[in-house]
Amino acid sequence: MKKIISVLLLGIAILTFAFSDMALAVDGAALFSANCAQCHARGKNLVNPSKSLKKTDLEKYEMYSSEAIIAQITKGKGAMPAFGKKLKADEIQGIAAYVLEQAEKGWKK
């Protein structure tokens, strides 16, 4: 009986580790669409058009890094609200990764 329980526990542990990355993965595109696209559709900035999410503007305003984007999403700034209490850290990281990926592509799908 102890051997069966040990094997079951080992199996559960293996499955937990095997699928933990998939369970933890966040969809940055979906999160961006749900939380950011109202003001930043296709990388634009409806509130302040000169500060878009395009690569040139992100670089110009020293925002072209995960750290800078994560801080902006978390704390907010100016007209942009803070999302630090609404979103989990991994969700904010997912959005930041998505923004950088899209900036590299010129916000073209």
Protein backbone atom coordinates (compact mmCIF):
# COMPACT_ATOMS: atom_id res chain seq x y z
CA MET A 1 0.00 0.00 0.00
CA LYS A 2 2.84 2.42 0.84
CA LYS A 3 4.44 1.66 -2.51
CA ILE A 4 1.23 2.49 -4.39
CA ILE A 5 0.84 5.77 -2.53
CA SER A 6 4.49 6.65 -3.19
CA VAL A 7 4.08 5.93 -6.90
CA LEU A 8 0.90 8.02 -7.05
CA LEU A 9 2.54 10.94 -5.27
CA LEU A 10 5.55 10.73 -7.57
CA GLY A 11 3.23 10.71 -10.58
CA ILE A 12 1.37 13.76 -9.32
CA ALA A 13 4.65 15.58 -8.70
CA ILE A 14 5.91 14.78 -12.20
CA LEU A 15 2.67 15.92 -13.81
CA THR A 16 2.66 19.10 -11.76
CA PHE A 17 6.16 20.05 -12.88
CA ALA A 18 5.56 18.94 -16.46
CA PHE A 19 2.52 21.17 -16.88
CA SER A 20 3.44 24.06 -14.59
CA ASP A 21 4.87 26.16 -17.44
CA MET A 22 1.69 25.73 -19.45
CA ALA A 23 -0.48 26.60 -16.46
CA LEU A 24 1.58 29.70 -15.71
CA ALA A 25 1.72 30.97 -19.28
CA VAL A 26 -0.18 34.20 -19.82
CA ASP A 27 -1.55 35.54 -23.07
CA GLY A 28 -0.04 39.01 -23.36
CA ALA A 29 -2.05 39.77 -26.50
CA ALA A 30 -5.37 38.97 -24.82
CA LEU A 31 -4.42 40.92 -21.69
CA PHE A 32 -3.35 43.90 -23.81
CA SER A 33 -6.62 43.73 -25.72
CA ALA A 34 -8.68 43.61 -22.52
CA ASN A 35 -6.77 46.27 -20.56
CA CYS A 36 -4.77 48.51 -22.88
CA ALA A 37 -6.25 48.57 -26.38
CA GLN A 38 -8.89 51.15 -25.45
CA CYS A 39 -6.14 53.77 -25.43
CA HIS A 40 -3.35 51.94 -27.28
CA ALA A 41 -5.02 50.18 -30.22
CA ARG A 42 -2.39 49.12 -32.78
CA GLY A 43 0.33 50.76 -30.69
CA LYS A 44 -1.17 54.23 -30.80
CA ASN A 45 -1.81 56.53 -27.87
CA LEU A 46 -5.24 58.13 -28.06
CA VAL A 47 -4.55 60.43 -25.10
CA ASN A 48 -1.10 61.67 -26.20
CA PRO A 49 -0.38 60.70 -29.84
CA SER A 50 3.28 61.75 -29.61
CA LYS A 51 3.93 59.02 -27.03
CA SER A 52 2.83 55.92 -28.91
CA LEU A 53 3.97 52.34 -28.33
CA LYS A 54 5.91 52.35 -31.57
CA LYS A 55 9.57 51.47 -31.26
CA THR A 56 10.84 54.94 -32.15
CA ASP A 57 8.69 56.59 -29.48
CA LEU A 58 9.52 53.95 -26.86
CA GLU A 59 13.21 54.53 -27.53
CA LYS A 60 12.82 58.32 -27.59
CA TYR A 61 11.15 58.34 -24.17
CA GLU A 62 13.46 55.66 -22.71
CA MET A 63 10.65 53.13 -22.46
CA TYR A 64 12.07 50.44 -24.76
CA SER A 65 12.71 47.81 -22.08
CA SER A 66 10.66 45.30 -20.14
CA GLU A 67 11.57 47.03 -16.89
CA ALA A 68 10.36 50.45 -18.04
CA ILE A 69 7.12 49.11 -19.50
CA ILE A 70 6.43 46.97 -16.43
CA ALA A 71 6.95 50.00 -14.18
CA GLN A 72 4.62 52.11 -16.33
CA ILE A 73 1.87 49.47 -16.32
CA THR A 74 2.28 48.79 -12.61
CA LYS A 75 2.46 52.36 -11.32
CA GLY A 76 0.79 54.32 -14.10
CA LYS A 77 1.89 57.82 -15.07
CA GLY A 78 0.10 60.97 -16.14
CA ALA A 79 -3.27 60.03 -17.65
CA MET A 80 -2.40 56.32 -17.62
CA PRO A 81 -3.86 54.52 -14.61
CA ALA A 82 -1.89 52.07 -12.50
CA PHE A 83 -2.68 48.40 -13.11
CA GLY A 84 -0.52 47.02 -10.29
CA LYS A 85 -3.51 46.14 -8.12
CA LYS A 86 -5.68 44.92 -10.99
CA LEU A 87 -3.19 42.63 -12.74
CA LYS A 88 -0.80 40.00 -11.41
CA ALA A 89 2.94 40.45 -11.92
CA ASP A 90 3.09 37.69 -14.55
CA GLU A 91 0.19 39.30 -16.44
CA ILE A 92 1.99 42.65 -16.48
CA GLN A 93 5.15 40.91 -17.70
CA GLY A 94 3.11 39.25 -20.45
CA ILE A 95 1.74 42.60 -21.60
CA ALA A 96 5.23 44.13 -21.56
CA ALA A 97 6.59 41.26 -23.66
CA TYR A 98 3.70 41.67 -26.10
CA VAL A 99 4.28 45.43 -26.40
CA LEU A 100 7.99 44.92 -27.14
CA GLU A 101 7.23 42.15 -29.64
CA GLN A 102 4.69 44.31 -31.46
CA ALA A 103 6.97 47.34 -31.39
CA GLU A 104 9.64 45.25 -33.13
CA LYS A 105 7.08 44.24 -35.79
CA GLY A 106 5.85 47.81 -36.26
CA TRP A 107 2.49 46.82 -34.75
CA LYS A 108 1.63 44.78 -37.84
CA LYS A 109 -0.04 41.44 -37.26
